[in-house]
N, C-alpha and C. Protein backbone atom coordinates (compact mmCIF):
# COMPACT_ATOMS: atom_id res chain seq x y z
N MET A 1 99.65 -174.94 78.86
CA MET A 1 98.80 -174.26 77.91
C MET A 1 97.86 -173.26 78.67
N VAL A 2 97.40 -173.66 79.88
CA VAL A 2 96.54 -172.77 80.58
C VAL A 2 97.27 -171.46 81.15
N LEU A 3 98.71 -171.67 81.34
CA LEU A 3 99.32 -170.48 81.63
C LEU A 3 99.58 -169.56 80.57
N TRP A 4 99.57 -170.05 79.34
CA TRP A 4 99.74 -169.16 78.14
C TRP A 4 98.36 -168.43 77.89
N VAL A 5 97.20 -168.91 78.11
CA VAL A 5 95.79 -168.37 78.05
C VAL A 5 95.76 -167.19 79.04
N VAL A 6 96.15 -167.63 80.27
CA VAL A 6 96.01 -166.85 81.51
C VAL A 6 97.06 -165.60 81.20
N GLY A 7 98.15 -165.78 80.79
CA GLY A 7 99.17 -164.89 80.57
C GLY A 7 98.93 -163.83 79.50
N PHE A 8 98.35 -164.47 78.35
CA PHE A 8 97.82 -163.61 77.38
C PHE A 8 96.57 -162.81 77.68
N ASN A 9 95.70 -163.22 78.46
CA ASN A 9 94.52 -162.40 79.01
C ASN A 9 95.00 -161.36 79.77
N VAL A 10 96.04 -161.55 80.68
CA VAL A 10 96.51 -160.62 81.51
C VAL A 10 97.18 -159.53 80.83
N ALA A 11 98.00 -159.95 79.81
CA ALA A 11 98.49 -158.91 78.94
C ALA A 11 97.63 -158.01 78.18
N ILE A 12 96.40 -158.73 77.67
CA ILE A 12 95.38 -157.98 76.95
C ILE A 12 94.74 -157.00 78.03
N ALA A 13 94.48 -157.41 79.30
CA ALA A 13 93.90 -156.74 80.35
C ALA A 13 94.78 -155.36 80.64
N LEU A 14 96.15 -155.70 80.78
CA LEU A 14 97.10 -154.68 80.96
C LEU A 14 97.01 -153.51 79.85
N LEU A 15 97.00 -154.07 78.64
CA LEU A 15 96.97 -153.09 77.48
C LEU A 15 95.65 -152.28 77.54
N ASN A 16 94.58 -152.96 77.89
CA ASN A 16 93.19 -152.39 77.99
C ASN A 16 93.26 -151.25 79.10
N CYS A 17 94.04 -151.67 80.23
CA CYS A 17 94.01 -150.63 81.29
C CYS A 17 94.94 -149.40 80.81
N TYR A 18 95.89 -149.56 80.11
CA TYR A 18 96.77 -148.58 79.63
C TYR A 18 95.85 -147.67 78.51
N LEU A 19 95.35 -148.25 77.75
CA LEU A 19 94.38 -147.59 76.79
C LEU A 19 93.35 -146.72 77.48
N VAL A 20 92.64 -147.30 78.64
CA VAL A 20 91.70 -146.59 79.08
C VAL A 20 92.41 -145.36 79.89
N TRP A 21 93.51 -145.49 80.49
CA TRP A 21 94.08 -144.40 81.17
C TRP A 21 94.67 -143.25 80.13
N LYS A 22 95.07 -143.56 78.92
CA LYS A 22 95.31 -142.75 77.93
C LYS A 22 94.08 -141.89 77.44
N ILE A 23 92.90 -142.69 77.35
CA ILE A 23 91.69 -142.14 76.79
C ILE A 23 91.22 -141.12 77.83
N ILE A 24 91.32 -141.48 79.19
CA ILE A 24 90.79 -140.55 80.16
C ILE A 24 91.79 -139.34 80.17
N GLN A 25 93.07 -139.38 79.84
CA GLN A 25 93.88 -138.22 79.93
C GLN A 25 93.52 -137.28 78.54
N TRP A 26 93.24 -138.07 77.42
CA TRP A 26 92.86 -137.29 76.27
C TRP A 26 91.49 -136.49 76.40
N ARG A 27 90.48 -137.18 77.19
CA ARG A 27 89.36 -136.56 77.64
C ARG A 27 89.43 -135.24 78.35
N ARG A 28 90.41 -135.40 79.38
CA ARG A 28 90.53 -134.27 80.22
C ARG A 28 91.17 -133.11 79.35
N CYS A 29 91.99 -133.48 78.49
CA CYS A 29 92.59 -132.43 77.70
C CYS A 29 91.71 -131.74 76.71
N LEU A 30 90.83 -132.61 76.15
CA LEU A 30 89.82 -132.21 75.28
C LEU A 30 88.76 -131.28 76.06
N ARG A 31 88.43 -131.68 77.15
CA ARG A 31 87.48 -130.94 78.12
C ARG A 31 87.96 -129.46 78.31
N CYS A 32 89.33 -129.47 78.76
CA CYS A 32 89.85 -128.32 79.06
C CYS A 32 90.03 -127.38 77.74
N THR A 33 90.37 -127.95 76.61
CA THR A 33 90.37 -127.22 75.26
C THR A 33 88.90 -126.64 74.97
N ARG A 34 87.93 -127.44 75.28
CA ARG A 34 86.53 -127.11 74.90
C ARG A 34 86.14 -125.90 75.90
N TYR A 35 86.52 -125.97 76.96
CA TYR A 35 86.19 -124.87 77.94
C TYR A 35 87.13 -123.58 77.54
N THR A 36 88.16 -123.62 77.26
CA THR A 36 89.02 -122.66 76.73
C THR A 36 88.44 -121.91 75.32
N LEU A 37 88.04 -122.93 74.50
CA LEU A 37 87.51 -122.37 73.14
C LEU A 37 86.14 -121.68 73.46
N ALA A 38 85.25 -122.30 74.24
CA ALA A 38 83.96 -121.62 74.55
C ALA A 38 84.23 -120.28 75.25
N ARG A 39 85.04 -120.10 76.22
CA ARG A 39 85.29 -118.83 76.80
C ARG A 39 85.98 -117.92 75.90
N THR A 40 86.86 -118.25 74.88
CA THR A 40 87.31 -117.34 73.87
C THR A 40 86.31 -117.00 72.97
N GLU A 41 85.26 -117.88 72.63
CA GLU A 41 84.31 -117.55 71.79
C GLU A 41 83.29 -116.39 72.31
N ARG A 42 83.03 -116.69 73.57
CA ARG A 42 82.22 -115.60 74.32
C ARG A 42 83.00 -114.32 74.44
N GLN A 43 84.13 -114.32 74.67
CA GLN A 43 84.93 -112.98 74.76
C GLN A 43 84.94 -112.31 73.31
N MET A 44 85.22 -113.24 72.31
CA MET A 44 85.27 -112.60 71.02
C MET A 44 83.85 -112.07 70.48
N ARG A 45 82.85 -112.74 70.95
CA ARG A 45 81.58 -112.14 70.60
C ARG A 45 81.22 -110.91 71.12
N ARG A 46 81.63 -110.76 72.54
CA ARG A 46 81.42 -109.60 73.17
C ARG A 46 82.33 -108.45 72.56
N ILE A 47 83.68 -108.78 72.17
CA ILE A 47 84.43 -107.82 71.57
C ILE A 47 83.95 -107.34 70.03
N LEU A 48 83.52 -108.42 69.42
CA LEU A 48 83.19 -108.09 68.01
C LEU A 48 81.75 -107.39 67.89
N THR A 49 80.93 -107.42 68.89
CA THR A 49 79.72 -106.62 68.79
C THR A 49 79.83 -105.19 69.24
N THR A 50 80.98 -105.01 69.85
CA THR A 50 81.30 -103.51 70.16
C THR A 50 82.35 -102.91 69.09
N ALA A 51 82.89 -103.83 68.31
CA ALA A 51 84.00 -103.36 67.43
C ALA A 51 83.44 -102.20 66.34
N PRO A 52 82.33 -102.43 65.76
CA PRO A 52 81.99 -101.39 64.62
C PRO A 52 81.72 -100.01 65.29
N ARG A 53 81.19 -100.01 66.48
CA ARG A 53 81.16 -98.73 67.03
C ARG A 53 82.51 -97.96 67.47
N VAL A 54 83.27 -98.87 68.04
CA VAL A 54 84.67 -98.39 68.27
C VAL A 54 85.43 -97.90 67.01
N ILE A 55 85.37 -98.63 66.06
CA ILE A 55 86.00 -98.27 64.71
C ILE A 55 85.49 -97.04 64.05
N HIS A 56 84.26 -96.81 64.25
CA HIS A 56 83.61 -95.55 63.76
C HIS A 56 84.09 -94.50 64.54
N GLU A 57 84.04 -94.60 65.86
CA GLU A 57 84.65 -93.50 66.75
C GLU A 57 86.02 -93.20 66.49
N ARG A 58 86.82 -94.11 66.28
CA ARG A 58 88.29 -93.88 65.93
C ARG A 58 88.28 -93.19 64.63
N GLN A 59 87.50 -93.54 63.62
CA GLN A 59 87.57 -92.96 62.35
C GLN A 59 87.40 -91.57 62.52
N GLN A 60 86.28 -91.19 63.28
CA GLN A 60 85.92 -89.76 63.58
C GLN A 60 87.14 -89.07 64.12
N GLY A 61 87.69 -89.60 65.17
CA GLY A 61 88.85 -88.98 65.76
C GLY A 61 90.01 -88.88 64.79
N ALA A 62 90.28 -89.74 63.99
CA ALA A 62 91.30 -89.55 63.01
C ALA A 62 91.02 -88.36 62.03
N GLN A 63 89.53 -88.43 61.60
CA GLN A 63 89.43 -87.21 60.69
C GLN A 63 89.49 -85.95 61.34
N GLN A 64 89.00 -85.97 62.58
CA GLN A 64 89.36 -84.54 63.27
C GLN A 64 90.81 -84.16 63.53
N THR A 65 91.56 -85.07 63.75
CA THR A 65 92.98 -84.97 63.82
C THR A 65 93.60 -84.44 62.46
N ARG A 66 93.16 -85.10 61.41
CA ARG A 66 93.59 -84.65 60.05
C ARG A 66 93.20 -83.13 59.92
N LEU A 67 91.97 -82.84 60.17
CA LEU A 67 91.59 -81.39 60.02
C LEU A 67 92.22 -80.54 60.83
N ALA A 68 92.53 -80.79 62.23
CA ALA A 68 93.31 -79.89 62.92
C ALA A 68 94.74 -79.77 62.45
N TYR A 69 95.32 -80.89 61.76
CA TYR A 69 96.63 -80.85 61.29
C TYR A 69 96.64 -79.94 59.95
N ALA A 70 95.75 -79.88 59.16
CA ALA A 70 95.77 -79.19 58.01
C ALA A 70 95.48 -77.65 58.44
N LYS A 71 94.81 -77.32 59.47
CA LYS A 71 94.58 -76.14 59.98
C LYS A 71 95.88 -75.44 60.49
N LEU A 72 96.59 -76.45 61.11
CA LEU A 72 97.93 -75.96 61.71
C LEU A 72 98.92 -75.74 60.66
N GLN A 73 98.99 -76.54 59.57
CA GLN A 73 99.96 -76.42 58.44
C GLN A 73 99.63 -75.06 57.94
N THR A 74 98.26 -74.56 57.53
CA THR A 74 98.14 -73.39 56.97
C THR A 74 98.61 -72.08 58.04
N GLN A 75 98.45 -72.39 59.27
CA GLN A 75 98.92 -71.43 60.30
C GLN A 75 100.55 -71.38 60.34
N VAL A 76 101.16 -72.51 60.11
CA VAL A 76 102.56 -72.57 60.12
C VAL A 76 103.10 -71.88 58.71
N GLN A 77 102.31 -71.99 57.70
CA GLN A 77 102.81 -71.34 56.35
C GLN A 77 102.60 -69.89 56.49
N GLN A 78 101.61 -69.35 57.24
CA GLN A 78 101.43 -68.17 57.36
C GLN A 78 102.60 -67.31 58.43
N VAL A 79 102.83 -68.08 59.45
CA VAL A 79 103.92 -67.66 60.17
C VAL A 79 105.18 -67.71 59.55
N GLN A 80 105.48 -68.71 58.67
CA GLN A 80 106.85 -68.65 57.92
C GLN A 80 106.79 -67.48 56.87
N GLN A 81 105.70 -67.17 56.39
CA GLN A 81 105.67 -65.96 55.39
C GLN A 81 105.79 -64.73 56.16
N LEU A 82 105.29 -64.59 57.38
CA LEU A 82 105.47 -63.44 58.26
C LEU A 82 106.77 -63.23 58.65
N LEU A 83 107.49 -64.34 59.06
CA LEU A 83 108.90 -64.24 59.37
C LEU A 83 109.79 -63.89 58.23
N GLY A 84 109.56 -64.34 57.12
CA GLY A 84 110.35 -64.13 55.98
C GLY A 84 110.01 -62.54 55.57
N LEU A 85 108.91 -62.13 55.69
CA LEU A 85 108.60 -60.66 55.46
C LEU A 85 109.31 -59.76 56.59
N LEU A 86 109.40 -60.21 57.71
CA LEU A 86 110.02 -59.36 58.76
C LEU A 86 111.63 -59.49 58.43
N ILE A 87 112.09 -60.48 58.15
CA ILE A 87 113.41 -60.63 57.68
C ILE A 87 113.85 -59.65 56.63
N LEU A 88 112.93 -59.62 55.68
CA LEU A 88 113.19 -58.82 54.54
C LEU A 88 113.10 -57.29 54.84
N VAL A 89 112.07 -57.06 55.87
CA VAL A 89 112.09 -55.68 56.22
C VAL A 89 113.38 -55.11 57.05
N ARG A 90 113.75 -56.10 57.90
CA ARG A 90 114.88 -55.80 58.74
C ARG A 90 116.18 -55.64 57.76
N LYS A 91 116.22 -56.36 56.79
CA LYS A 91 117.50 -56.17 55.92
C LYS A 91 117.37 -54.80 55.11
N LEU A 92 116.16 -54.52 54.64
CA LEU A 92 115.78 -53.22 53.95
C LEU A 92 116.19 -52.17 54.94
N TRP A 93 115.75 -52.16 56.33
CA TRP A 93 115.92 -51.08 57.19
C TRP A 93 117.31 -50.82 57.50
N TYR A 94 118.13 -52.20 57.51
CA TYR A 94 119.62 -51.76 57.87
C TYR A 94 120.35 -51.26 56.61
N ARG A 95 119.78 -51.55 55.38
CA ARG A 95 120.47 -51.33 54.28
C ARG A 95 120.34 -49.66 53.97
N TYR A 96 119.11 -49.20 54.32
CA TYR A 96 118.98 -47.61 54.06
C TYR A 96 119.10 -46.92 55.35
């Protein structure tokens, strides 16, 4: 009877040691996760504080690019009209 009690207590002690070991592992994992999340939060805060300024600058750049493209489009049309006129003049020149 005493052996049963001692054996049962040893089994409970071993189970408790296993549980403590697992809890320690989980705590390490959670600590690492907490540090990673804190570092990520700091980085995101730094990124997001500068984001509105960067977005505004990029919008201005995109607007300037659109204006330059529109200006080039009109120049391309003018060159096409000029080339068409030159071709017409050449055809008329060789005809007469």
